[in-house]
N, C-alpha and C. Protein backbone atom coordinates (compact mmCIF):
# COMPACT_ATOMS: atom_id res chain seq x y z
N UNK A 1 102.55 106.56 113.43
CA UNK A 1 101.72 105.50 112.06
C UNK A 1 101.36 106.92 111.67
N UNK A 2 101.80 107.53 109.91
CA UNK A 2 101.04 107.82 109.19
C UNK A 2 99.94 107.67 108.43
N UNK A 3 98.57 108.41 108.57
CA UNK A 3 97.45 107.16 107.75
C UNK A 3 97.22 108.30 106.88
N UNK A 4 96.20 107.18 105.83
CA UNK A 4 95.34 107.92 104.93
C UNK A 4 93.59 107.97 105.48
N UNK A 5 92.93 108.88 105.71
CA UNK A 5 91.91 109.53 106.40
C UNK A 5 91.29 109.19 105.85
N UNK A 6 89.59 109.35 106.29
CA UNK A 6 88.26 108.74 105.80
C UNK A 6 88.76 109.84 104.78
N UNK A 7 88.63 111.45 106.03
CA UNK A 7 88.20 112.99 105.29
C UNK A 7 89.46 112.95 104.20
N UNK A 8 90.47 112.71 103.92
CA UNK A 8 91.53 112.90 102.42
C UNK A 8 91.05 112.47 101.46
N UNK A 9 90.81 110.25 102.38
CA UNK A 9 90.03 110.40 100.33
C UNK A 9 88.79 110.45 99.46
N UNK A 10 88.04 111.15 100.93
CA UNK A 10 86.38 111.65 100.19
C UNK A 10 86.75 112.47 99.99
N UNK A 11 87.53 113.74 100.42
CA UNK A 11 88.32 114.50 99.35
C UNK A 11 88.66 114.36 98.23
N UNK A 12 89.48 112.99 97.88
CA UNK A 12 90.36 113.08 96.76
C UNK A 12 89.44 112.36 95.67
N UNK A 13 88.49 111.77 96.60
CA UNK A 13 86.81 111.21 95.77
C UNK A 13 86.53 112.74 95.05
N UNK A 14 86.19 113.41 96.31
CA UNK A 14 84.72 114.82 95.66
C UNK A 14 85.85 115.33 94.66
N UNK A 15 87.28 115.66 95.08
CA UNK A 15 88.00 116.90 93.74
C UNK A 15 88.17 116.07 92.00
N UNK A 16 88.62 114.16 92.87
CA UNK A 16 88.41 113.87 91.07
C UNK A 16 87.02 114.10 90.75
N UNK A 17 85.70 113.55 91.17
CA UNK A 17 84.32 113.85 90.73
C UNK A 17 84.03 115.18 89.75
N UNK A 18 84.78 116.34 90.39
CA UNK A 18 85.03 117.95 90.11
C UNK A 18 86.15 118.05 88.74
N UNK A 19 86.65 117.64 88.42
CA UNK A 19 87.81 117.31 87.62
C UNK A 19 87.01 116.56 85.98
N UNK A 20 86.47 116.09 86.56
CA UNK A 20 85.76 115.13 85.15
C UNK A 20 84.87 115.76 84.59
N UNK A 21 83.45 116.34 85.95
CA UNK A 21 83.09 117.43 85.46
C UNK A 21 83.32 118.46 84.29
N UNK A 22 84.64 119.26 85.06
CA UNK A 22 85.19 120.17 84.23
C UNK A 22 86.03 120.02 83.35
N UNK A 23 86.70 118.55 82.95
CA UNK A 23 86.87 118.47 81.47
C UNK A 23 86.10 117.87 80.40
N UNK A 24 85.07 116.90 81.45
CA UNK A 24 84.25 116.64 79.92
C UNK A 24 82.88 118.09 79.80
N UNK A 25 83.24 119.17 80.34
CA UNK A 25 82.67 120.11 79.68
C UNK A 25 82.89 120.80 78.83
N UNK A 26 84.28 120.55 78.42
CA UNK A 26 85.27 120.63 77.31
C UNK A 26 86.51 122.49 77.60
N UNK A 27 86.09 122.04 79.15
CA UNK A 27 86.75 123.64 78.94
C UNK A 27 88.10 123.19 79.94
N UNK A 28 88.68 121.94 79.79
CA UNK A 28 90.26 121.85 80.04
C UNK A 28 90.78 121.78 78.80
N UNK A 29 92.53 121.69 78.90
CA UNK A 29 93.25 121.19 77.54
C UNK A 29 92.66 119.51 77.75
N UNK A 30 92.77 119.12 76.26
CA UNK A 30 92.30 118.00 75.48
C UNK A 30 93.97 116.75 75.63
N UNK A 31 93.31 115.93 76.23
CA UNK A 31 94.86 114.74 75.71
C UNK A 31 95.75 115.43 77.49
N UNK A 32 95.54 115.79 78.33
CA UNK A 32 96.32 116.93 79.63
C UNK A 32 95.91 115.48 80.66
N UNK A 33 96.93 115.20 81.49
CA UNK A 33 96.46 114.52 83.72
C UNK A 33 96.65 115.16 84.11
N UNK A 34 95.30 114.90 84.68
CA UNK A 34 95.07 116.50 86.04
C UNK A 34 96.57 117.10 86.37
N UNK A 35 97.00 115.38 86.82
CA UNK A 35 98.30 115.96 87.61
C UNK A 35 97.62 115.39 89.27
N UNK A 36 96.40 114.69 89.73
CA UNK A 36 95.80 114.56 90.51
C UNK A 36 96.45 113.52 91.13
N UNK A 37 96.75 113.30 92.20
CA UNK A 37 97.68 111.81 92.84
C UNK A 37 95.91 111.28 93.73
N UNK A 38 96.47 109.73 93.37
CA UNK A 38 94.89 108.82 94.29
C UNK A 38 95.91 108.13 95.40
N UNK A 39 95.94 107.69 96.53
CA UNK A 39 95.82 106.51 96.69
C UNK A 39 96.21 105.09 95.97
N UNK A 40 96.07 104.92 95.14
CA UNK A 40 97.13 104.32 94.02
C UNK A 40 98.49 104.26 93.82
N UNK A 41 98.14 105.39 93.32
CA UNK A 41 99.69 106.16 92.99
C UNK A 41 100.76 106.02 93.65
N UNK A 42 100.26 105.53 95.04
CA UNK A 42 101.19 105.62 96.26
C UNK A 42 101.96 103.96 96.29
N UNK A 43 103.46 104.22 96.10
CA UNK A 43 104.80 102.98 96.18
C UNK A 43 104.52 102.64 97.80
N UNK A 44 104.57 101.71 98.03
CA UNK A 44 104.87 100.86 98.64
C UNK A 44 106.46 100.29 99.30
N UNK A 45 106.53 100.56 100.05
CA UNK A 45 108.23 100.24 100.75
C UNK A 45 107.94 99.09 101.76
N UNK A 46 109.13 98.20 102.18
CA UNK A 46 109.14 97.53 103.81
C UNK A 46 110.40 97.94 104.12
N UNK A 47 110.38 97.68 105.29
CA UNK A 47 111.94 97.73 106.26
C UNK A 47 111.90 96.94 106.94
N UNK A 48 112.53 96.27 107.79
CA UNK A 48 113.23 95.42 109.13
C UNK A 48 114.18 96.10 109.44
N UNK A 49 114.03 96.93 110.99
CA UNK A 49 115.47 98.17 111.17
C UNK A 49 114.77 97.85 112.41
N UNK A 50 114.91 96.36 113.55
CA UNK A 50 114.54 96.29 114.59
C UNK A 50 113.58 96.93 115.66
N UNK A 51 113.59 97.62 116.31
CA UNK A 51 111.98 97.82 117.12
C UNK A 51 111.95 98.57 116.25
N UNK A 52 110.40 97.77 116.21
CA UNK A 52 109.54 98.56 114.86
C UNK A 52 108.61 100.82 115.32
N UNK A 53 108.53 100.14 116.73
CA UNK A 53 108.47 101.71 116.77
C UNK A 53 109.64 102.66 117.04
N UNK A 54 110.42 102.74 116.65
CA UNK A 54 111.97 103.21 116.65
C UNK A 54 112.12 103.39 114.71
N UNK A 55 111.46 101.89 114.16
CA UNK A 55 111.80 102.71 113.17
C UNK A 55 110.43 103.45 112.05
N UNK A 56 109.27 103.50 112.41
CA UNK A 56 108.38 103.95 112.34
C UNK A 56 108.49 105.54 112.37
N UNK A 57 108.57 106.33 113.95
CA UNK A 57 108.92 107.01 114.26
C UNK A 57 109.74 107.74 113.19
N UNK A 58 111.04 107.33 112.48
CA UNK A 58 112.01 107.22 112.31
C UNK A 58 111.58 108.02 110.40
N UNK A 59 110.41 106.96 110.04
CA UNK A 59 110.08 106.97 108.68
C UNK A 59 109.41 108.19 108.63
N UNK A 60 108.39 108.81 109.50
CA UNK A 60 107.02 109.43 109.96
C UNK A 60 107.80 111.50 110.07
N UNK A 61 108.58 111.01 109.96
CA UNK A 61 109.82 112.46 109.90
C UNK A 61 109.91 113.11 108.58
N UNK A 62 109.81 111.46 107.34
CA UNK A 62 109.89 112.12 106.05
C UNK A 62 108.89 112.59 105.21
N UNK A 63 109.35 113.71 104.42
CA UNK A 63 108.36 114.51 103.39
C UNK A 63 108.39 113.73 102.92
N UNK A 64 106.79 113.40 101.73
CA UNK A 64 106.83 112.25 101.00
C UNK A 64 106.04 110.84 101.51
N UNK A 65 106.25 110.48 103.04
CA UNK A 65 105.72 109.74 103.22
C UNK A 65 104.60 109.58 103.61
N UNK A 66 103.74 109.06 103.43
CA UNK A 66 101.71 108.85 103.42
C UNK A 66 101.51 108.53 104.75
N UNK A 67 102.02 107.15 104.61
CA UNK A 67 101.32 105.78 105.25
C UNK A 67 102.60 105.10 106.19
N UNK A 68 102.51 105.17 107.52
CA UNK A 68 103.49 103.63 108.11
C UNK A 68 102.67 102.46 108.97
N UNK A 69 102.81 101.29 109.53
CA UNK A 69 102.05 101.02 109.67
C UNK A 69 103.76 99.75 110.11
N UNK A 70 103.50 99.77 111.29
CA UNK A 70 103.79 99.06 112.33
C UNK A 70 103.31 97.40 112.04
N UNK A 71 104.98 96.75 111.71
CA UNK A 71 103.58 94.84 111.57
C UNK A 71 105.11 93.95 111.61
N UNK A 72 104.28 92.36 110.66
CA UNK A 72 105.33 91.39 111.17
C UNK A 72 105.62 90.73 109.28
N UNK A 73 107.22 90.01 108.98
CA UNK A 73 107.07 89.81 108.09
C UNK A 73 107.65 88.56 107.59
N UNK A 74 108.35 87.71 107.16
CA UNK A 74 109.40 86.95 106.05
C UNK A 74 108.92 85.87 107.18
N UNK A 75 107.73 85.53 107.98
CA UNK A 75 107.94 83.92 108.99
C UNK A 75 106.56 83.16 107.97
N UNK A 76 107.01 82.30 108.47
CA UNK A 76 106.44 80.79 108.40
C UNK A 76 104.74 80.72 108.25
N UNK A 77 103.98 81.86 109.23
CA UNK A 77 102.67 81.28 109.60
C UNK A 77 101.86 82.57 108.86
N UNK A 78 100.56 82.24 109.23
CA UNK A 78 99.90 83.60 108.88
C UNK A 78 99.13 83.80 109.82
N UNK A 79 98.86 85.22 110.31
CA UNK A 79 98.26 85.79 111.20
C UNK A 79 99.54 86.19 112.74
N UNK A 80 100.60 86.28 113.02
CA UNK A 80 101.28 86.34 114.10
C UNK A 80 101.09 87.32 114.97
N UNK A 81 101.17 87.04 116.28
CA UNK A 81 101.06 88.19 116.84
C UNK A 81 102.34 88.40 117.27
N UNK A 82 101.80 89.14 118.06
CA UNK A 82 103.20 89.69 119.00
C UNK A 82 104.16 89.00 119.58
N UNK A 83 103.25 87.87 121.00
CA UNK A 83 103.58 87.59 121.58
C UNK A 83 104.44 85.63 120.37
N UNK A 84 103.95 85.79 119.28
CA UNK A 84 104.05 84.78 118.72
C UNK A 84 104.95 85.02 117.46
N UNK A 85 105.20 86.26 116.75
CA UNK A 85 105.69 85.92 115.33
C UNK A 85 107.30 85.71 115.84
N UNK A 86 108.07 85.95 117.02
CA UNK A 86 109.86 85.25 116.42
C UNK A 86 109.17 83.85 116.59
N UNK A 87 109.05 83.35 116.70
CA UNK A 87 109.38 81.87 117.86
C UNK A 87 108.43 81.75 115.96
N UNK A 88 107.91 82.13 115.21
CA UNK A 88 107.22 82.10 114.28
C UNK A 88 108.42 82.15 112.97
N UNK A 89 108.60 83.14 112.85
CA UNK A 89 110.18 83.57 112.08
C UNK A 89 109.76 84.73 111.00
N UNK A 90 109.39 85.55 112.37
CA UNK A 90 108.65 87.19 111.78
C UNK A 90 109.69 88.31 111.94
N UNK A 91 110.02 88.36 111.20
CA UNK A 91 111.01 89.93 111.64
C UNK A 91 110.02 91.45 111.91
N UNK A 92 109.60 92.14 113.29
CA UNK A 92 109.53 93.79 113.11
C UNK A 92 109.98 93.92 111.92
N UNK A 93 108.62 94.84 111.45
CA UNK A 93 108.64 95.33 109.98
C UNK A 93 108.52 96.77 109.61
N UNK A 94 107.94 97.38 109.12
CA UNK A 94 106.99 98.95 108.75
C UNK A 94 107.41 98.79 107.25
N UNK A 95 105.95 98.74 106.91
CA UNK A 95 105.20 99.21 105.79
C UNK A 95 104.92 100.94 105.13
N UNK A 96 105.54 101.28 104.96
CA UNK A 96 105.17 102.48 104.17
C UNK A 96 105.07 102.77 102.78
N UNK A 97 103.89 103.72 102.84
CA UNK A 97 103.54 104.44 101.37
C UNK A 97 104.19 105.95 101.17
N UNK A 98 104.74 105.72 100.74
CA UNK A 98 104.99 106.60 100.06
C UNK A 98 104.77 107.61 98.37
N UNK A 99 104.77 108.86 98.66
CA UNK A 99 104.46 109.64 97.00
C UNK A 99 105.77 109.51 95.73
N UNK A 100 106.00 108.90 95.30
CA UNK A 100 107.74 108.19 94.42
C UNK A 100 108.14 110.03 93.94
N UNK A 101 106.93 111.16 93.43
CA UNK A 101 107.46 112.77 93.62
C UNK A 101 108.02 113.41 94.32
N UNK A 102 107.49 112.65 95.30
CA UNK A 102 108.52 113.77 96.63
C UNK A 102 109.72 113.00 97.48
N UNK A 103 109.86 111.56 97.02
CA UNK A 103 110.81 111.27 97.80
C UNK A 103 111.45 109.98 96.89
N UNK A 104 111.81 109.30 96.22
CA UNK A 104 112.37 108.47 96.34
C UNK A 104 112.44 107.43 96.55
N UNK A 105 112.03 105.70 96.74
CA UNK A 105 112.42 104.54 96.80
C UNK A 105 113.68 104.45 97.72
N UNK A 106 115.09 104.63 96.72
CA UNK A 106 116.51 105.29 96.43
C UNK A 106 116.98 105.96 97.88
N UNK A 107 116.48 106.98 97.44
CA UNK A 107 116.25 108.07 99.36
C UNK A 107 115.90 107.30 100.60
N UNK A 108 114.80 106.78 100.40
CA UNK A 108 114.30 106.00 101.44
C UNK A 108 114.96 104.89 101.85
N UNK A 109 115.57 104.44 101.05
CA UNK A 109 117.29 103.22 101.27
C UNK A 109 117.49 103.50 102.47
N UNK A 110 118.74 104.63 101.63
CA UNK A 110 119.73 105.45 102.29
C UNK A 110 119.07 106.21 103.93
N UNK A 111 118.48 106.21 104.50
CA UNK A 111 117.78 106.55 104.80
C UNK A 111 117.41 105.72 105.76
N UNK A 112 116.99 104.97 105.37
CA UNK A 112 116.97 103.76 106.27
C UNK A 112 117.87 103.21 107.19
N UNK A 113 119.44 103.08 105.66
CA UNK A 113 120.86 102.03 106.77
C UNK A 113 121.19 102.98 107.34
N UNK A 114 120.88 104.38 107.12
CA UNK A 114 122.04 105.37 108.25
C UNK A 114 121.07 105.70 109.44
N UNK A 115 119.68 105.02 110.14
CA UNK A 115 119.29 105.11 111.22
C UNK A 115 118.72 103.54 111.65
N UNK A 116 120.19 102.49 110.90
CA UNK A 116 120.28 101.14 111.94
C UNK A 116 122.06 101.27 111.65
N UNK A 117 121.89 99.82 112.21
CA UNK A 117 123.67 98.99 112.87
C UNK A 117 123.25 97.80 111.23
N UNK A 118 123.65 98.39 110.41
CA UNK A 118 123.63 96.70 109.16
C UNK A 118 124.45 96.14 109.14
N UNK A 119 125.72 96.47 110.80
CA UNK A 119 126.47 95.43 110.72
C UNK A 119 126.36 94.24 111.86
N UNK A 120 125.49 94.44 112.76
CA UNK A 120 124.72 93.76 113.39
C UNK A 120 123.92 92.49 113.48
N UNK A 121 124.89 91.42 112.79
CA UNK A 121 124.15 90.25 112.71
C UNK A 121 123.04 89.76 113.26
N UNK A 122 122.95 89.79 114.79
CA UNK A 122 122.41 89.05 115.92
C UNK A 122 120.90 90.13 116.50
N UNK A 123 120.88 91.34 115.61
CA UNK A 123 119.50 92.64 116.50
C UNK A 123 119.52 93.45 116.26
N UNK A 124 119.28 94.54 116.20
CA UNK A 124 119.12 96.15 116.37
C UNK A 124 119.61 96.32 118.05
N UNK A 125 120.51 97.20 118.02
CA UNK A 125 120.45 97.95 119.06
C UNK A 125 120.62 96.74 121.11
N UNK A 126 119.54 97.52 121.72
CA UNK A 126 119.95 96.48 122.99
C UNK A 126 118.87 94.65 122.63
N UNK A 127 117.79 95.12 121.66
CA UNK A 127 116.55 93.51 121.34
C UNK A 127 117.68 92.71 119.98
N UNK A 128 117.84 91.45 120.65
CA UNK A 128 118.27 90.52 120.46
C UNK A 128 117.55 89.63 119.77
N UNK A 129 118.02 88.95 118.94
CA UNK A 129 117.03 88.18 118.60
C UNK A 129 116.39 88.96 116.87
N UNK A 130 116.46 87.09 116.03
CA UNK A 130 116.23 87.12 114.75
C UNK A 130 115.18 87.96 114.65
N UNK A 131 113.64 88.56 115.00
CA UNK A 131 113.16 89.20 114.97
C UNK A 131 113.22 90.66 115.02
N UNK A 132 114.38 90.81 115.38
CA UNK A 132 114.45 92.73 114.88
C UNK A 132 115.40 92.53 114.20
N UNK A 133 116.41 91.37 113.47
CA UNK A 133 117.42 91.73 112.51
C UNK A 133 117.54 92.21 111.51
N UNK A 134 118.08 92.95 110.69
CA UNK A 134 117.57 93.56 109.70
C UNK A 134 117.14 93.18 108.16
N UNK A 135 116.40 93.70 107.51
CA UNK A 135 115.95 93.52 105.78
C UNK A 135 115.77 94.54 105.24
N UNK A 136 115.53 94.26 104.46
CA UNK A 136 114.53 95.38 103.20
C UNK A 136 114.03 94.38 102.21
N UNK A 137 112.44 94.27 102.08
CA UNK A 137 111.83 93.25 101.61
C UNK A 137 111.29 93.80 100.39
N UNK A 138 112.07 94.00 99.57
CA UNK A 138 112.51 94.54 97.62
C UNK A 138 110.97 94.58 97.57
N UNK A 139 109.93 94.57 97.37
CA UNK A 139 108.35 94.75 96.18
C UNK A 139 108.55 94.55 94.86
N UNK A 140 110.00 94.79 93.86
CA UNK A 140 109.75 94.61 93.16
C UNK A 140 111.68 94.05 92.90
N UNK A 141 112.22 92.95 91.33
CA UNK A 141 113.69 93.67 90.68
C UNK A 141 113.88 94.60 91.31
N UNK A 142 112.87 96.04 91.17
CA UNK A 142 113.99 97.31 90.76
C UNK A 142 114.77 98.11 91.98
N UNK A 143 113.68 97.29 93.12
CA UNK A 143 114.04 97.61 94.73
C UNK A 143 114.83 96.85 94.62
N UNK A 144 115.09 95.52 94.94
CA UNK A 144 115.84 94.94 95.06
C UNK A 144 117.22 95.86 94.13
N UNK A 145 117.53 96.02 92.91
CA UNK A 145 118.68 96.07 92.62
C UNK A 145 119.26 97.92 93.33
N UNK A 146 117.97 98.53 94.10
CA UNK A 146 117.98 99.73 94.56
C UNK A 146 119.15 99.59 95.60
N UNK A 147 118.49 98.99 96.31
CA UNK A 147 118.97 98.06 97.80
C UNK A 147 120.41 97.49 98.00
N UNK A 148 120.73 96.95 96.98
CA UNK A 148 122.23 96.11 96.63
C UNK A 148 123.08 97.19 96.16
N UNK A 149 122.37 98.30 95.39
CA UNK A 149 123.65 99.22 95.52
C UNK A 149 123.88 99.60 95.89
N UNK A 150 123.04 100.17 96.82
CA UNK A 150 123.28 101.35 98.43
C UNK A 150 123.94 100.55 98.91
N UNK A 151 124.23 98.83 99.13
CA UNK A 151 124.99 98.30 100.52
C UNK A 151 126.51 98.37 99.89
N UNK A 152 126.91 98.16 98.29
CA UNK A 152 127.39 98.35 97.58
C UNK A 152 128.09 99.16 97.58
N UNK A 153 127.38 100.54 98.00
CA UNK A 153 127.82 101.98 98.05
C UNK A 153 128.41 102.52 99.10
N UNK A 154 127.61 101.80 100.42
CA UNK A 154 128.59 102.11 101.94
C UNK A 154 129.79 101.19 101.99
N UNK A 155 129.03 100.05 101.23
CA UNK A 155 130.88 99.10 101.79
C UNK A 155 132.07 99.78 101.29
N UNK A 156 131.52 100.19 99.68
CA UNK A 156 132.92 101.19 99.59
C UNK A 156 133.40 102.52 99.74
N UNK A 157 132.19 103.08 100.84
CA UNK A 157 132.93 103.85 101.25
C UNK A 157 133.90 103.89 102.28
N UNK A 158 133.88 103.10 102.75
CA UNK A 158 134.87 102.63 103.96
C UNK A 158 133.87 103.26 105.15
N UNK A 159 133.04 103.57 105.40
CA UNK A 159 132.70 104.27 107.08
C UNK A 159 132.43 103.20 108.29
N UNK A 160 132.46 101.69 107.52
CA UNK A 160 131.54 100.63 108.79
C UNK A 160 133.21 100.48 108.68
N UNK A 161 133.42 99.55 110.51
CA UNK A 161 134.09 98.79 110.44
C UNK A 161 134.28 97.65 110.00
N UNK A 162 132.82 97.19 109.60
CA UNK A 162 132.21 95.84 109.90
C UNK A 162 131.98 95.33 108.25
N UNK A 163 131.36 94.25 107.37
CA UNK A 163 130.31 94.23 106.42
C UNK A 163 129.78 94.19 106.79
N UNK A 164 127.99 94.71 105.49
CA UNK A 164 127.06 94.99 105.81
C UNK A 164 126.56 93.61 105.76
N UNK A 165 125.32 93.40 106.51
CA UNK A 165 124.87 91.92 106.85
C UNK A 165 123.64 92.14 106.54
N UNK A 166 122.93 93.08 106.42
CA UNK A 166 121.41 93.52 105.90
C UNK A 166 121.12 92.95 105.11
N UNK A 167 119.86 92.19 104.91
CA UNK A 167 119.57 91.08 104.03
C UNK A 167 118.77 91.63 103.17
N UNK A 168 118.10 91.77 101.16
CA UNK A 168 118.38 91.98 100.51
C UNK A 168 116.68 90.94 100.66
N UNK A 169 115.58 90.70 101.04
CA UNK A 169 114.31 89.32 101.08
C UNK A 169 113.02 90.21 100.12
N UNK A 170 112.83 88.89 99.24
CA UNK A 170 111.48 88.86 98.47
C UNK A 170 110.64 89.29 99.45
N UNK A 171 109.82 90.66 98.97
CA UNK A 171 108.34 91.15 99.42
C UNK A 171 107.73 89.34 99.66
N UNK A 172 107.48 89.39 101.27
CA UNK A 172 106.38 88.45 102.15
C UNK A 172 105.22 89.26 102.06
N UNK A 173 104.35 88.08 102.33
CA UNK A 173 103.13 88.69 102.88
C UNK A 173 103.15 89.55 104.24
N UNK A 174 102.74 91.39 104.48
CA UNK A 174 102.78 92.04 106.11
C UNK A 174 101.31 91.44 106.66
N UNK A 175 101.63 91.82 107.40
CA UNK A 175 100.82 91.20 108.76
C UNK A 175 100.46 92.60 109.62
N UNK A 176 99.58 93.71 109.64
CA UNK A 176 99.57 94.76 110.76
C UNK A 176 99.12 94.23 112.35
N UNK A 177 100.45 94.88 112.86
CA UNK A 177 100.75 94.82 114.09
C UNK A 177 99.60 94.90 115.25
N UNK A 178 99.34 94.96 116.86
CA UNK A 178 98.47 95.44 117.07
C UNK A 178 98.30 97.35 117.35
N UNK A 179 97.08 97.34 116.95
CA UNK A 179 96.82 98.26 117.99
C UNK A 179 97.51 99.51 118.60
N UNK A 180 98.04 98.60 119.27
CA UNK A 180 99.06 99.04 121.12
C UNK A 180 100.00 99.48 120.11
N UNK A 181 100.55 98.95 118.92
CA UNK A 181 101.94 99.00 118.52
C UNK A 181 102.14 100.34 117.69
N UNK A 182 100.90 100.48 117.18
CA UNK A 182 100.98 101.72 115.74
C UNK A 182 101.40 102.54 117.20
N UNK A 183 101.72 103.36 116.47
CA UNK A 183 102.21 105.21 116.81
C UNK A 183 102.38 105.24 118.47
N UNK A 184 102.95 104.33 118.79
CA UNK A 184 103.47 104.02 120.10
C UNK A 184 104.07 105.46 120.81
N UNK A 185 105.22 105.59 119.50
CA UNK A 185 105.80 107.22 120.15
C UNK A 185 105.35 108.36 120.83
N UNK A 186 104.24 108.37 119.52
CA UNK A 186 102.90 109.18 119.83
C UNK A 186 102.27 109.15 121.09
N UNK A 187 101.55 107.86 120.78
CA UNK A 187 100.41 107.62 122.50
C UNK A 187 101.61 107.99 123.20
N UNK A 188 102.47 106.93 123.93
CA UNK A 188 103.64 106.97 124.82
C UNK A 188 104.82 107.45 124.38
N UNK A 189 105.09 108.82 124.44
CA UNK A 189 106.19 109.78 124.30
C UNK A 189 107.26 109.57 125.23
N UNK A 190 106.40 109.69 126.70
CA UNK A 190 107.96 109.28 127.87
C UNK A 190 107.87 108.22 127.50
N UNK A 191 106.99 107.41 127.82
CA UNK A 191 107.97 105.22 127.45
C UNK A 191 109.29 105.08 126.25
N UNK A 192 108.00 105.75 125.21
CA UNK A 192 109.46 105.94 124.11
C UNK A 192 111.00 106.69 123.95
N UNK A 193 110.18 107.66 124.62
CA UNK A 193 112.24 108.13 124.82
C UNK A 193 113.51 107.60 125.42
N UNK A 194 112.39 106.84 127.03
CA UNK A 194 113.28 106.47 127.98
C UNK A 194 113.58 104.94 127.38
N UNK A 195 113.02 104.25 126.10
CA UNK A 195 113.78 103.50 125.43
C UNK A 195 114.27 103.47 125.10
N UNK A 196 114.23 104.53 123.88
CA UNK A 196 115.14 104.49 122.68
C UNK A 196 116.55 104.98 123.16
N UNK A 197 116.66 106.47 124.88
CA UNK A 197 117.08 106.55 125.05
C UNK A 197 118.15 105.25 126.37
N UNK A 198 117.22 104.27 126.40
CA UNK A 198 117.84 103.13 127.37
C UNK A 198 118.61 102.41 126.85
N UNK A 199 117.89 101.67 125.20
CA UNK A 199 118.46 101.12 124.33
C UNK A 199 119.93 101.69 124.04
N UNK A 200 119.65 102.98 123.77
CA UNK A 200 120.62 103.36 123.23
C UNK A 200 121.54 103.23 121.26
N UNK A 201 120.12 103.30 121.38
CA UNK A 201 120.04 103.39 119.46
C UNK A 201 120.24 104.48 118.69
N UNK A 202 120.57 106.06 119.24
CA UNK A 202 120.96 107.00 118.73
C UNK A 202 122.29 107.39 118.90
N UNK A 203 123.01 106.81 120.40
CA UNK A 203 124.43 106.84 120.89
C UNK A 203 124.82 105.95 119.22
N UNK A 204 124.37 104.42 119.75
CA UNK A 204 125.80 103.61 118.83
C UNK A 204 124.78 104.38 117.23
N UNK A 205 124.65 104.91 117.21
CA UNK A 205 124.49 105.45 115.43
C UNK A 205 125.08 106.36 114.82
N UNK A 206 124.77 107.50 116.18
CA UNK A 206 126.49 108.27 116.45
C UNK A 206 127.68 107.82 116.20
N UNK A 207 128.19 106.31 116.79
CA UNK A 207 128.96 105.85 117.06
C UNK A 207 129.74 105.56 115.71
N UNK A 208 128.47 104.58 114.61
CA UNK A 208 128.54 103.86 113.91
C UNK A 208 128.88 105.65 112.39
N UNK A 209 127.63 106.00 112.55
CA UNK A 209 127.42 107.44 111.00
C UNK A 209 128.31 108.28 111.32
N UNK A 210 128.84 108.86 112.72
CA UNK A 210 129.54 110.14 113.14
C UNK A 210 128.81 111.31 112.89
N UNK A 211 127.02 110.85 113.01
CA UNK A 211 125.86 111.60 113.70
C UNK A 211 124.41 111.23 113.48
N UNK A 212 123.66 111.95 114.27
CA UNK A 212 122.32 111.73 114.66
C UNK A 212 121.88 111.94 113.26
N UNK A 213 121.36 110.24 112.20
CA UNK A 213 120.95 110.72 110.89
C UNK A 213 119.55 111.03 111.59
N UNK A 214 118.91 110.53 112.62
CA UNK A 214 117.07 110.86 112.31
C UNK A 214 116.65 112.18 113.09
N UNK A 215 117.53 113.12 112.93
CA UNK A 215 117.50 113.72 113.20
C UNK A 215 116.33 114.62 114.84
């Protein structure tokens, strides 16, 4: 899980204060933005791609992704837990905060699809059940349109033997998963690698797409 550290936030605040003083003194160019991005400038995407340990690990590799959080969304109840989320209709998902100046939502969607099996309606890889099914939780109509266009492109390409079943869903409240699940691939690297290999995630991705898309 990439996180926005307190030192980063403090540095941004300090820099903003310095820039305000600089431009207030008349030394800066009038009417021009400083170009400094703040936390509020980040955009959000939410992807359900099976086991959130793997989805989080994959998105943490992307330049422009500032923060990733594993959690639950799309269900009927508030405050789900790992033990209850499945029966309550929630999917395992990852919330991605990204700098759109470095990576676009379209690029994230394309990357997402190439790191899942979008033809599997019953789960993902060795993880079965509704909570492991795939979805893009669109934050607005523009994200929904981009995601649908990506599905159209994939199906038009003929690369898949079966139709895409990944759903485009309206964003719902996102609930952060327990600390144990955050950064799992970093906290428990040996267990994570064993799980991922035993689940044949990368082997299946290679079968589907002809390469290992996650690197």
